[in-house]
Amino acid sequence: MKPPAFSYHDPRSTGEVLNLLTSLDNAKLLAGGQSLMPMLNMRFVLPDHVIDLNRVAELSYIREAAGALESGAIEIGAMTRQRDIEFSDLIRSRCPLMHEAIRQVGHRQTRNRGTLGGSLCHLDPAAELVAVAATLDASITVAGRNGSRTIGFADFPVAYMTPALGPDELLVGARFPCWRDPHGYAFVEFSRRHGDFAIVAAAALIEEDGAGKVTRAALTLGGMGPAPIRAREVEQALIGEIIGEQRLRELCEPLREVEAMDDIHAPASYRRQLATVLSRRALNKAHERIAARAAS
């Protein structure tokens, strides 16, 4: 299939992009094209204008945040390729959860073109980078004709696959706080085939004290509903606990009651079962990695 007719625009700066967004009606932004091009071909979207971001060099970067507090943070530009994130030494050492998750995004060919900003704006509820952003309490930087603003990721999804962006706004980057070392991390998912979107995914982060008691925890479920779900009750219940198989089973059991969607891929009951099992596996894997990372 071929896409519908549209006018093509090839800006070279963020300013040019914003000028086009404010002056053109019914425009779509093209980042990696891994979602937009199939949607164009299948007539799910019918734009009059397509604005290509691929030559806006200022939107591609991976760097430590200037003046970052205590454990620091990493800033990633919207047009940074997923493949660059996968092979970044900074991401591997400072944000290992993202490094593990990115290797489960599609295939090498799609990661060569896919971008951070494209994934966050598309906001597929099963997307790995979306779940990572929710787990790390990322903040999104958005530029518009009235200046820039920052959106906490918890407020970024407003509906199914709908980000909190105005029609004349551009996502320019995201800031991901880093957890202190040694911390445990894990990203596990279940999909029908390698490279498919996950039916359910679980992302876990854990910090423990010298006695092995949990002092901080984060647990996110992807694929359950219109946006990633932070399992706040489980996170709070973990504080002060010493991780063990039986205790994890008890703590994760309430996830069988989490609201989940039914679709052609899986019924809600199956998603709840996966959420319970994958959360337990992710938390246990994160716990095991703390000792391993401390010893390395």
C-alpha atoms as a PDB file:
ATOM      1  CA  MET A   1       0.000   0.000   0.000  1.00  0.00           C
ATOM      2  CA  LYS A   2       1.032   3.595  -0.579  1.00  0.00           C
ATOM      3  CA  PRO A   3       0.353   6.555   1.723  1.00  0.00           C
ATOM      4  CA  PRO A   4      -2.177   9.250   0.789  1.00  0.00           C
ATOM      5  CA  ALA A   5      -0.925  12.425  -0.857  1.00  0.00           C
ATOM      6  CA  PHE A   6       0.562  15.082   1.415  1.00  0.00           C
ATOM      7  CA  SER A   7       2.950  18.030   1.313  1.00  0.00           C
ATOM      8  CA  TYR A   8       6.431  17.220   2.608  1.00  0.00           C
ATOM      9  CA  HIS A   9       8.490  19.602   4.747  1.00  0.00           C
ATOM     10  CA  ASP A  10      12.175  19.193   5.660  1.00  0.00           C
ATOM     11  CA  PRO A  11      13.151  21.651   8.456  1.00  0.00           C
ATOM     12  CA  ARG A  12      16.675  21.880   9.897  1.00  0.00           C
ATOM     13  CA  SER A  13      15.982  23.419  13.329  1.00  0.00           C
ATOM     14  CA  THR A  14      13.483  23.326  16.173  1.00  0.00           C
ATOM     15  CA  GLY A  15      12.475  26.886  15.343  1.00  0.00           C
ATOM     16  CA  GLU A  16      11.614  25.910  11.770  1.00  0.00           C
ATOM     17  CA  VAL A  17       9.554  22.962  13.041  1.00  0.00           C
ATOM     18  CA  LEU A  18       7.559  25.188  15.397  1.00  0.00           C
ATOM     19  CA  ASN A  19       6.943  27.740  12.658  1.00  0.00           C
ATOM     20  CA  LEU A  20       5.569  25.007  10.429  1.00  0.00           C
ATOM     21  CA  LEU A  21       3.383  23.576  13.207  1.00  0.00           C
ATOM     22  CA  THR A  22       1.826  26.982  13.904  1.00  0.00           C
ATOM     23  CA  SER A  23       1.266  27.852  10.238  1.00  0.00           C
ATOM     24  CA  LEU A  24       0.061  24.544   8.803  1.00  0.00           C
ATOM     25  CA  ASP A  25      -3.258  22.804   9.357  1.00  0.00           C
ATOM     26  CA  ASN A  26      -3.515  19.029   9.803  1.00  0.00           C
ATOM     27  CA  ALA A  27       0.232  18.386  10.039  1.00  0.00           C
ATOM     28  CA  LYS A  28       1.973  15.266  11.349  1.00  0.00           C
ATOM     29  CA  LEU A  29       5.547  14.970  12.606  1.00  0.00           C
ATOM     30  CA  LEU A  30       7.767  12.237  11.150  1.00  0.00           C
ATOM     31  CA  ALA A  31      10.453  10.895  13.488  1.00  0.00           C
ATOM     32  CA  GLY A  32      11.579   7.295  12.900  1.00  0.00           C
ATOM     33  CA  GLY A  33       8.425   6.476  10.961  1.00  0.00           C
ATOM     34  CA  GLN A  34       8.038   3.009  12.510  1.00  0.00           C
ATOM     35  CA  SER A  35       4.460   3.802  13.547  1.00  0.00           C
ATOM     36  CA  LEU A  36       3.471   6.714  11.321  1.00  0.00           C
ATOM     37  CA  MET A  37       4.292   5.108   7.968  1.00  0.00           C
ATOM     38  CA  PRO A  38       2.121   1.993   8.520  1.00  0.00           C
ATOM     39  CA  MET A  39      -0.675   4.243   9.813  1.00  0.00           C
ATOM     40  CA  LEU A  40      -0.412   6.372   6.662  1.00  0.00           C
ATOM     41  CA  ASN A  41      -0.442   3.307   4.419  1.00  0.00           C
ATOM     42  CA  MET A  42      -3.519   1.900   6.155  1.00  0.00           C
ATOM     43  CA  ARG A  43      -5.268   5.315   6.104  1.00  0.00           C
ATOM     44  CA  PHE A  44      -5.494   5.483   9.891  1.00  0.00           C
ATOM     45  CA  VAL A  45      -4.163   9.046   9.617  1.00  0.00           C
ATOM     46  CA  LEU A  46      -4.707  11.419   6.695  1.00  0.00           C
ATOM     47  CA  PRO A  47      -2.467  14.472   7.124  1.00  0.00           C
ATOM     48  CA  ASP A  48      -2.236  17.324   4.649  1.00  0.00           C
ATOM     49  CA  HIS A  49       1.370  17.959   5.695  1.00  0.00           C
ATOM     50  CA  VAL A  50       4.209  15.772   6.980  1.00  0.00           C
ATOM     51  CA  ILE A  51       7.063  17.522   8.796  1.00  0.00           C
ATOM     52  CA  ASP A  52      10.246  15.438   8.760  1.00  0.00           C
ATOM     53  CA  LEU A  53      12.393  15.814  11.919  1.00  0.00           C
ATOM     54  CA  ASN A  54      15.312  13.722  10.715  1.00  0.00           C
ATOM     55  CA  ARG A  55      17.568  16.667   9.842  1.00  0.00           C
ATOM     56  CA  VAL A  56      17.001  18.533  13.097  1.00  0.00           C
ATOM     57  CA  ALA A  57      20.382  17.627  14.575  1.00  0.00           C
ATOM     58  CA  GLU A  58      19.817  19.462  17.879  1.00  0.00           C
ATOM     59  CA  LEU A  59      17.181  16.873  18.854  1.00  0.00           C
ATOM     60  CA  SER A  60      19.651  13.971  18.923  1.00  0.00           C
ATOM     61  CA  TYR A  61      21.796  13.573  22.059  1.00  0.00           C
ATOM     62  CA  ILE A  62      22.471  11.434  25.145  1.00  0.00           C
ATOM     63  CA  ARG A  63      24.099  13.292  28.027  1.00  0.00           C
ATOM     64  CA  GLU A  64      24.289  13.626  31.773  1.00  0.00           C
ATOM     65  CA  ALA A  65      22.046  16.381  33.068  1.00  0.00           C
ATOM     66  CA  ALA A  66      23.960  19.495  34.091  1.00  0.00           C
ATOM     67  CA  GLY A  67      23.854  20.071  37.832  1.00  0.00           C
ATOM     68  CA  ALA A  68      22.106  16.765  38.424  1.00  0.00           C
ATOM     69  CA  LEU A  69      21.188  16.063  42.029  1.00  0.00           C
ATOM     70  CA  GLU A  70      22.732  13.252  44.124  1.00  0.00           C
ATOM     71  CA  SER A  71      22.177  10.191  41.930  1.00  0.00           C
ATOM     72  CA  GLY A  72      22.074  12.299  38.751  1.00  0.00           C
ATOM     73  CA  ALA A  73      19.971  12.087  35.626  1.00  0.00           C
ATOM     74  CA  ILE A  74      20.336  11.417  31.921  1.00  0.00           C
ATOM     75  CA  GLU A  75      18.852  13.609  29.200  1.00  0.00           C
ATOM     76  CA  ILE A  76      17.963  12.123  25.834  1.00  0.00           C
ATOM     77  CA  GLY A  77      16.870  14.062  22.756  1.00  0.00           C
ATOM     78  CA  ALA A  78      13.630  13.240  21.006  1.00  0.00           C
ATOM     79  CA  MET A  79      15.339  12.208  17.748  1.00  0.00           C
ATOM     80  CA  THR A  80      17.895   9.930  19.406  1.00  0.00           C
ATOM     81  CA  ARG A  81      17.760   6.551  17.684  1.00  0.00           C
ATOM     82  CA  GLN A  82      16.871   3.536  19.773  1.00  0.00           C
ATOM     83  CA  ARG A  83      20.002   1.857  18.416  1.00  0.00           C
ATOM     84  CA  ASP A  84      22.129   4.693  19.850  1.00  0.00           C
ATOM     85  CA  ILE A  85      20.479   4.194  23.237  1.00  0.00           C
ATOM     86  CA  GLU A  86      21.183   0.456  23.008  1.00  0.00           C
ATOM     87  CA  PHE A  87      24.910   1.005  22.460  1.00  0.00           C
ATOM     88  CA  SER A  88      25.408   3.982  24.770  1.00  0.00           C
ATOM     89  CA  ASP A  89      27.971   3.306  27.512  1.00  0.00           C
ATOM     90  CA  LEU A  90      26.337   6.041  29.594  1.00  0.00           C
ATOM     91  CA  ILE A  91      22.940   4.332  29.421  1.00  0.00           C
ATOM     92  CA  ARG A  92      24.451   0.923  30.149  1.00  0.00           C
ATOM     93  CA  SER A  93      26.272   2.120  33.268  1.00  0.00           C
ATOM     94  CA  ARG A  94      23.884   4.727  34.682  1.00  0.00           C
ATOM     95  CA  CYS A  95      20.478   3.501  33.532  1.00  0.00           C
ATOM     96  CA  PRO A  96      20.706  -0.298  33.103  1.00  0.00           C
ATOM     97  CA  LEU A  97      16.907  -0.698  33.205  1.00  0.00           C
ATOM     98  CA  MET A  98      16.634   1.254  29.949  1.00  0.00           C
ATOM     99  CA  HIS A  99      19.488  -0.710  28.422  1.00  0.00           C
ATOM    100  CA  GLU A 100      17.749  -4.002  29.199  1.00  0.00           C
ATOM    101  CA  ALA A 101      14.386  -2.738  27.960  1.00  0.00           C
ATOM    102  CA  ILE A 102      15.674  -1.268  24.694  1.00  0.00           C
ATOM    103  CA  ARG A 103      17.031  -4.645  23.589  1.00  0.00           C
ATOM    104  CA  GLN A 104      13.456  -5.956  23.653  1.00  0.00           C
ATOM    105  CA  VAL A 105      12.134  -3.213  21.354  1.00  0.00           C
ATOM    106  CA  GLY A 106      11.236  -4.682  17.969  1.00  0.00           C
ATOM    107  CA  HIS A 107      14.228  -5.837  15.919  1.00  0.00           C
ATOM    108  CA  ARG A 108      17.608  -4.379  15.025  1.00  0.00           C
ATOM    109  CA  GLN A 109      16.186  -2.918  11.818  1.00  0.00           C
ATOM    110  CA  THR A 110      13.397  -1.063  13.625  1.00  0.00           C
ATOM    111  CA  ARG A 111      15.740   0.161  16.361  1.00  0.00           C
ATOM    112  CA  ASN A 112      18.001   1.616  13.659  1.00  0.00           C
ATOM    113  CA  ARG A 113      15.225   4.032  12.723  1.00  0.00           C
ATOM    114  CA  GLY A 114      12.954   4.232  15.784  1.00  0.00           C
ATOM    115  CA  THR A 115      13.464   7.198  18.123  1.00  0.00           C
ATOM    116  CA  LEU A 116      12.870   7.933  21.783  1.00  0.00           C
ATOM    117  CA  GLY A 117      10.484  10.796  21.038  1.00  0.00           C
ATOM    118  CA  GLY A 118       8.538   8.803  18.485  1.00  0.00           C
ATOM    119  CA  SER A 119       7.937   6.000  20.975  1.00  0.00           C
ATOM    120  CA  LEU A 120       6.929   8.361  23.788  1.00  0.00           C
ATOM    121  CA  CYS A 121       4.561  10.359  21.580  1.00  0.00           C
ATOM    122  CA  HIS A 122       2.970   7.273  20.015  1.00  0.00           C
ATOM    123  CA  LEU A 123       2.357   6.074  23.579  1.00  0.00           C
ATOM    124  CA  ASP A 124       1.543   2.468  22.865  1.00  0.00           C
ATOM    125  CA  PRO A 125       0.665   1.110  26.337  1.00  0.00           C
ATOM    126  CA  ALA A 126       2.876  -1.948  25.750  1.00  0.00           C
ATOM    127  CA  ALA A 127       5.910  -0.011  24.489  1.00  0.00           C
ATOM    128  CA  GLU A 128       9.083  -0.685  26.440  1.00  0.00           C
ATOM    129  CA  LEU A 129      10.415   2.901  26.525  1.00  0.00           C
ATOM    130  CA  VAL A 130       7.040   4.146  27.736  1.00  0.00           C
ATOM    131  CA  ALA A 131       7.182   1.703  30.660  1.00  0.00           C
ATOM    132  CA  VAL A 132      10.759   2.750  31.457  1.00  0.00           C
ATOM    133  CA  ALA A 133       9.742   6.414  31.507  1.00  0.00           C
ATOM    134  CA  ALA A 134       6.929   5.619  33.933  1.00  0.00           C
ATOM    135  CA  THR A 135       9.217   3.564  36.198  1.00  0.00           C
ATOM    136  CA  LEU A 136      11.926   6.228  36.383  1.00  0.00           C
ATOM    137  CA  ASP A 137       9.451   9.125  36.836  1.00  0.00           C
ATOM    138  CA  ALA A 138      10.842  10.774  33.723  1.00  0.00           C
ATOM    139  CA  SER A 139      10.041  14.360  32.810  1.00  0.00           C
ATOM    140  CA  ILE A 140       9.207  15.407  29.255  1.00  0.00           C
ATOM    141  CA  THR A 141      10.405  18.690  27.747  1.00  0.00           C
ATOM    142  CA  VAL A 142       8.036  20.235  25.219  1.00  0.00           C
ATOM    143  CA  ALA A 143       8.567  23.318  23.030  1.00  0.00           C
ATOM    144  CA  GLY A 144       5.805  25.500  21.588  1.00  0.00           C
ATOM    145  CA  ARG A 145       5.249  28.999  20.259  1.00  0.00           C
ATOM    146  CA  ASN A 146       4.825  30.256  23.832  1.00  0.00           C
ATOM    147  CA  GLY A 147       8.101  28.735  25.021  1.00  0.00           C
ATOM    148  CA  SER A 148       9.011  25.434  26.616  1.00  0.00           C
ATOM    149  CA  ARG A 149       7.446  23.496  29.472  1.00  0.00           C
ATOM    150  CA  THR A 150       8.123  20.323  31.415  1.00  0.00           C
ATOM    151  CA  ILE A 151       5.584  17.549  31.950  1.00  0.00           C
ATOM    152  CA  GLY A 152       5.999  14.806  34.546  1.00  0.00           C
ATOM    153  CA  PHE A 153       5.524  11.496  32.801  1.00  0.00           C
ATOM    154  CA  ALA A 154       2.655  10.547  35.115  1.00  0.00           C
ATOM    155  CA  ASP A 155       0.701  13.426  33.518  1.00  0.00           C
ATOM    156  CA  PHE A 156       1.902  12.809  29.958  1.00  0.00           C
ATOM    157  CA  PRO A 157      -0.681  10.181  28.856  1.00  0.00           C
ATOM    158  CA  VAL A 158      -4.151  11.758  28.745  1.00  0.00           C
ATOM    159  CA  ALA A 159      -5.950   8.914  26.923  1.00  0.00           C
ATOM    160  CA  TYR A 160      -5.189   5.812  24.894  1.00  0.00           C
ATOM    161  CA  MET A 161      -2.160   6.624  22.684  1.00  0.00           C
ATOM    162  CA  THR A 162      -2.753  10.335  23.316  1.00  0.00           C
ATOM    163  CA  PRO A 163       0.021  12.458  24.873  1.00  0.00           C
ATOM    164  CA  ALA A 164      -0.458  15.792  26.630  1.00  0.00           C
ATOM    165  CA  LEU A 165       0.797  17.756  23.630  1.00  0.00           C
ATOM    166  CA  GLY A 166      -0.887  20.657  21.907  1.00  0.00           C
ATOM    167  CA  PRO A 167      -1.207  20.647  18.091  1.00  0.00           C
ATOM    168  CA  ASP A 168       1.579  23.238  17.825  1.00  0.00           C
ATOM    169  CA  GLU A 169       3.936  21.629  20.354  1.00  0.00           C
ATOM    170  CA  LEU A 170       7.033  19.488  19.840  1.00  0.00           C
ATOM    171  CA  LEU A 171       8.568  16.972  22.244  1.00  0.00           C
ATOM    172  CA  VAL A 172      12.246  17.920  22.295  1.00  0.00           C
ATOM    173  CA  GLY A 173      13.658  15.584  24.945  1.00  0.00           C
ATOM    174  CA  ALA A 174      13.223  13.659  28.176  1.00  0.00           C
ATOM    175  CA  ARG A 175      15.052  13.558  31.497  1.00  0.00           C
ATOM    176  CA  PHE A 176      15.465  10.206  33.267  1.00  0.00           C
ATOM    177  CA  PRO A 177      16.547  10.259  36.951  1.00  0.00           C
ATOM    178  CA  CYS A 178      19.176   7.624  37.745  1.00  0.00           C
ATOM    179  CA  TRP A 179      19.005   5.383  40.813  1.00  0.00           C
ATOM    180  CA  ARG A 180      22.019   5.108  43.091  1.00  0.00           C
ATOM    181  CA  ASP A 181      24.326   2.119  42.813  1.00  0.00           C
ATOM    182  CA  PRO A 182      24.155  -0.626  43.739  1.00  0.00           C
ATOM    183  CA  HIS A 183      20.503  -0.976  42.831  1.00  0.00           C
ATOM    184  CA  GLY A 184      18.629  -3.860  41.295  1.00  0.00           C
ATOM    185  CA  TYR A 185      16.783  -3.638  37.996  1.00  0.00           C
ATOM    186  CA  ALA A 186      14.855  -5.909  35.651  1.00  0.00           C
ATOM    187  CA  PHE A 187      12.625  -5.606  32.605  1.00  0.00           C
ATOM    188  CA  VAL A 188      10.712  -8.753  31.664  1.00  0.00           C
ATOM    189  CA  GLU A 189       7.909  -9.154  29.162  1.00  0.00           C
ATOM    190  CA  PHE A 190       5.772 -11.763  27.468  1.00  0.00           C
ATOM    191  CA  SER A 191       4.985 -11.523  23.760  1.00  0.00           C
ATOM    192  CA  ARG A 192       3.747 -14.025  21.212  1.00  0.00           C
ATOM    193  CA  ARG A 193       6.874 -13.674  19.056  1.00  0.00           C
ATOM    194  CA  HIS A 194      10.246 -12.049  19.474  1.00  0.00           C
ATOM    195  CA  GLY A 195       9.982  -8.409  18.436  1.00  0.00           C
ATOM    196  CA  ASP A 196       6.220  -8.143  18.980  1.00  0.00           C
ATOM    197  CA  PHE A 197       4.776  -5.645  21.408  1.00  0.00           C
ATOM    198  CA  ALA A 198       4.469  -7.246  24.815  1.00  0.00           C
ATOM    199  CA  ILE A 199       1.111  -8.554  25.936  1.00  0.00           C
ATOM    200  CA  VAL A 200       2.273  -7.615  29.443  1.00  0.00           C
ATOM    201  CA  ALA A 201       5.618  -6.249  30.636  1.00  0.00           C
ATOM    202  CA  ALA A 202       6.994  -5.620  34.123  1.00  0.00           C
ATOM    203  CA  ALA A 203       9.764  -3.144  34.975  1.00  0.00           C
ATOM    204  CA  ALA A 204      11.279  -3.239  38.468  1.00  0.00           C
ATOM    205  CA  LEU A 205      13.822  -1.213  40.435  1.00  0.00           C
ATOM    206  CA  ILE A 206      14.950  -1.957  43.998  1.00  0.00           C
ATOM    207  CA  GLU A 207      17.335  -0.453  46.539  1.00  0.00           C
ATOM    208  CA  GLU A 208      18.276  -2.317  49.733  1.00  0.00           C
ATOM    209  CA  ASP A 209      20.158  -1.487  52.919  1.00  0.00           C
ATOM    210  CA  GLY A 210      23.115  -3.405  54.327  1.00  0.00           C
ATOM    211  CA  ALA A 211      20.788  -5.902  56.002  1.00  0.00           C
ATOM    212  CA  GLY A 212      19.039  -6.755  52.750  1.00  0.00           C
ATOM    213  CA  LYS A 213      15.845  -4.856  53.539  1.00  0.00           C
ATOM    214  CA  VAL A 214      14.171  -2.959  50.721  1.00  0.00           C
ATOM    215  CA  THR A 215      14.468   0.810  51.162  1.00  0.00           C
ATOM    216  CA  ARG A 216      13.048   1.902  47.803  1.00  0.00           C
ATOM    217  CA  ALA A 217      11.115   0.176  45.034  1.00  0.00           C
ATOM    218  CA  ALA A 218       9.418   0.916  41.729  1.00  0.00           C
ATOM    219  CA  LEU A 219       7.233  -1.481  39.746  1.00  0.00           C
ATOM    220  CA  THR A 220       5.488  -0.711  36.469  1.00  0.00           C
ATOM    221  CA  LEU A 221       3.141  -2.855  34.399  1.00  0.00           C
ATOM    222  CA  GLY A 222       2.825  -2.278  30.667  1.00  0.00           C
ATOM    223  CA  GLY A 223       0.135  -3.593  28.353  1.00  0.00           C
ATOM    224  CA  MET A 224      -2.603  -3.686  30.991  1.00  0.00           C
ATOM    225  CA  GLY A 225      -4.574  -0.622  29.950  1.00  0.00           C
ATOM    226  CA  PRO A 226      -4.363   2.699  28.094  1.00  0.00           C
ATOM    227  CA  ALA A 227      -1.141   3.681  29.901  1.00  0.00           C
ATOM    228  CA  PRO A 228       1.543   1.991  32.030  1.00  0.00           C
ATOM    229  CA  ILE A 229       0.431   1.266  35.597  1.00  0.00           C
ATOM    230  CA  ARG A 230       2.656   1.926  38.592  1.00  0.00           C
ATOM    231  CA  ALA A 231       1.926  -0.763  41.186  1.00  0.00           C
ATOM    232  CA  ARG A 232       2.125   1.696  44.090  1.00  0.00           C
ATOM    233  CA  GLU A 233       0.634  -0.643  46.672  1.00  0.00           C
ATOM    234  CA  VAL A 234       3.225  -3.307  45.927  1.00  0.00           C
ATOM    235  CA  GLU A 235       5.998  -0.714  46.003  1.00  0.00           C
ATOM    236  CA  GLN A 236       4.939   0.453  49.463  1.00  0.00           C
ATOM    237  CA  ALA A 237       4.474  -3.096  50.757  1.00  0.00           C
ATOM    238  CA  LEU A 238       8.050  -3.954  49.750  1.00  0.00           C
ATOM    239  CA  ILE A 239       9.606  -1.291  51.981  1.00  0.00           C
ATOM    240  CA  GLY A 240      11.306  -2.968  54.953  1.00  0.00           C
ATOM    241  CA  GLU A 241      10.938  -6.453  53.471  1.00  0.00           C
ATOM    242  CA  ILE A 242      13.703  -8.959  52.816  1.00  0.00           C
ATOM    243  CA  ILE A 243      13.094 -10.376  49.354  1.00  0.00           C
ATOM    244  CA  GLY A 244      12.166 -14.048  49.234  1.00  0.00           C
ATOM    245  CA  GLU A 245      10.206 -16.203  46.799  1.00  0.00           C
ATOM    246  CA  GLN A 246       7.247 -16.867  49.083  1.00  0.00           C
ATOM    247  CA  ARG A 247       7.007 -13.275  50.269  1.00  0.00           C
ATOM    248  CA  LEU A 248       7.071 -12.013  46.697  1.00  0.00           C
ATOM    249  CA  ARG A 249       4.207 -14.341  45.832  1.00  0.00           C
ATOM    250  CA  GLU A 250       2.171 -12.834  48.659  1.00  0.00           C
ATOM    251  CA  LEU A 251       3.015  -9.248  47.775  1.00  0.00           C
ATOM    252  CA  CYS A 252       2.259  -9.670  44.055  1.00  0.00           C
ATOM    253  CA  GLU A 253      -0.983 -11.617  44.524  1.00  0.00           C
ATOM    254  CA  PRO A 254      -3.170  -8.452  44.696  1.00  0.00           C
ATOM    255  CA  LEU A 255      -2.153  -7.700  41.095  1.00  0.00           C
ATOM    256  CA  ARG A 256      -4.733 -10.299  40.051  1.00  0.00           C
ATOM    257  CA  GLU A 257      -7.319  -7.619  40.841  1.00  0.00           C
ATOM    258  CA  VAL A 258      -5.762  -4.873  38.704  1.00  0.00           C
ATOM    259  CA  GLU A 259      -8.020  -3.546  35.970  1.00  0.00           C
ATOM    260  CA  ALA A 260      -6.923  -4.885  32.580  1.00  0.00           C
ATOM    261  CA  MET A 261      -8.158  -4.607  29.024  1.00  0.00           C
ATOM    262  CA  ASP A 262      -9.590  -7.277  26.746  1.00  0.00           C
ATOM    263  CA  ASP A 263      -8.487  -7.291  23.112  1.00  0.00           C
ATOM    264  CA  ILE A 264      -7.724  -9.664  20.238  1.00  0.00           C
ATOM    265  CA  HIS A 265      -4.348 -10.539  21.783  1.00  0.00           C
ATOM    266  CA  ALA A 266      -5.418 -11.617  25.276  1.00  0.00           C
ATOM    267  CA  PRO A 267      -8.360 -11.455  27.695  1.00  0.00           C
ATOM    268  CA  ALA A 268      -8.148  -9.384  30.867  1.00  0.00           C
ATOM    269  CA  SER A 269      -7.902 -12.492  33.057  1.00  0.00           C
ATOM    270  CA  TYR A 270      -4.784 -13.660  31.202  1.00  0.00           C
ATOM    271  CA  ARG A 271      -3.203 -10.218  31.500  1.00  0.00           C
ATOM    272  CA  ARG A 272      -3.777 -10.257  35.265  1.00  0.00           C
ATOM    273  CA  GLN A 273      -2.112 -13.658  35.505  1.00  0.00           C
ATOM    274  CA  LEU A 274       0.856 -12.397  33.515  1.00  0.00           C
ATOM    275  CA  ALA A 275       1.075  -9.246  35.634  1.00  0.00           C
ATOM    276  CA  THR A 276       1.297 -11.318  38.803  1.00  0.00           C
ATOM    277  CA  VAL A 277       3.911 -13.738  37.481  1.00  0.00           C
ATOM    278  CA  LEU A 278       6.065 -11.216  35.598  1.00  0.00           C
ATOM    279  CA  SER A 279       6.119  -8.773  38.504  1.00  0.00           C
ATOM    280  CA  ARG A 280       7.362 -11.508  40.816  1.00  0.00           C
ATOM    281  CA  ARG A 281      10.046 -12.510  38.328  1.00  0.00           C
ATOM    282  CA  ALA A 282      11.151  -8.906  37.729  1.00  0.00           C
ATOM    283  CA  LEU A 283      11.391  -8.095  41.433  1.00  0.00           C
ATOM    284  CA  ASN A 284      13.310 -11.280  42.187  1.00  0.00           C
ATOM    285  CA  LYS A 285      15.696 -10.652  39.292  1.00  0.00           C
ATOM    286  CA  ALA A 286      16.255  -7.077  40.468  1.00  0.00           C
ATOM    287  CA  HIS A 287      16.962  -8.308  43.983  1.00  0.00           C
ATOM    288  CA  GLU A 288      19.509 -10.866  42.757  1.00  0.00           C
ATOM    289  CA  ARG A 289      21.326  -8.239  40.742  1.00  0.00           C
ATOM    290  CA  ILE A 290      21.997  -6.000  43.732  1.00  0.00           C
ATOM    291  CA  ALA A 291      24.574  -8.389  45.199  1.00  0.00           C
ATOM    292  CA  ALA A 292      26.022  -9.091  41.767  1.00  0.00           C
ATOM    293  CA  ARG A 293      26.479  -5.389  40.968  1.00  0.00           C
ATOM    294  CA  ALA A 294      27.907  -4.626  44.412  1.00  0.00           C
ATOM    295  CA  ALA A 295      30.528  -7.339  43.924  1.00  0.00           C
ATOM    296  CA  SER A 296      31.543  -6.187  40.440  1.00  0.00           C
END
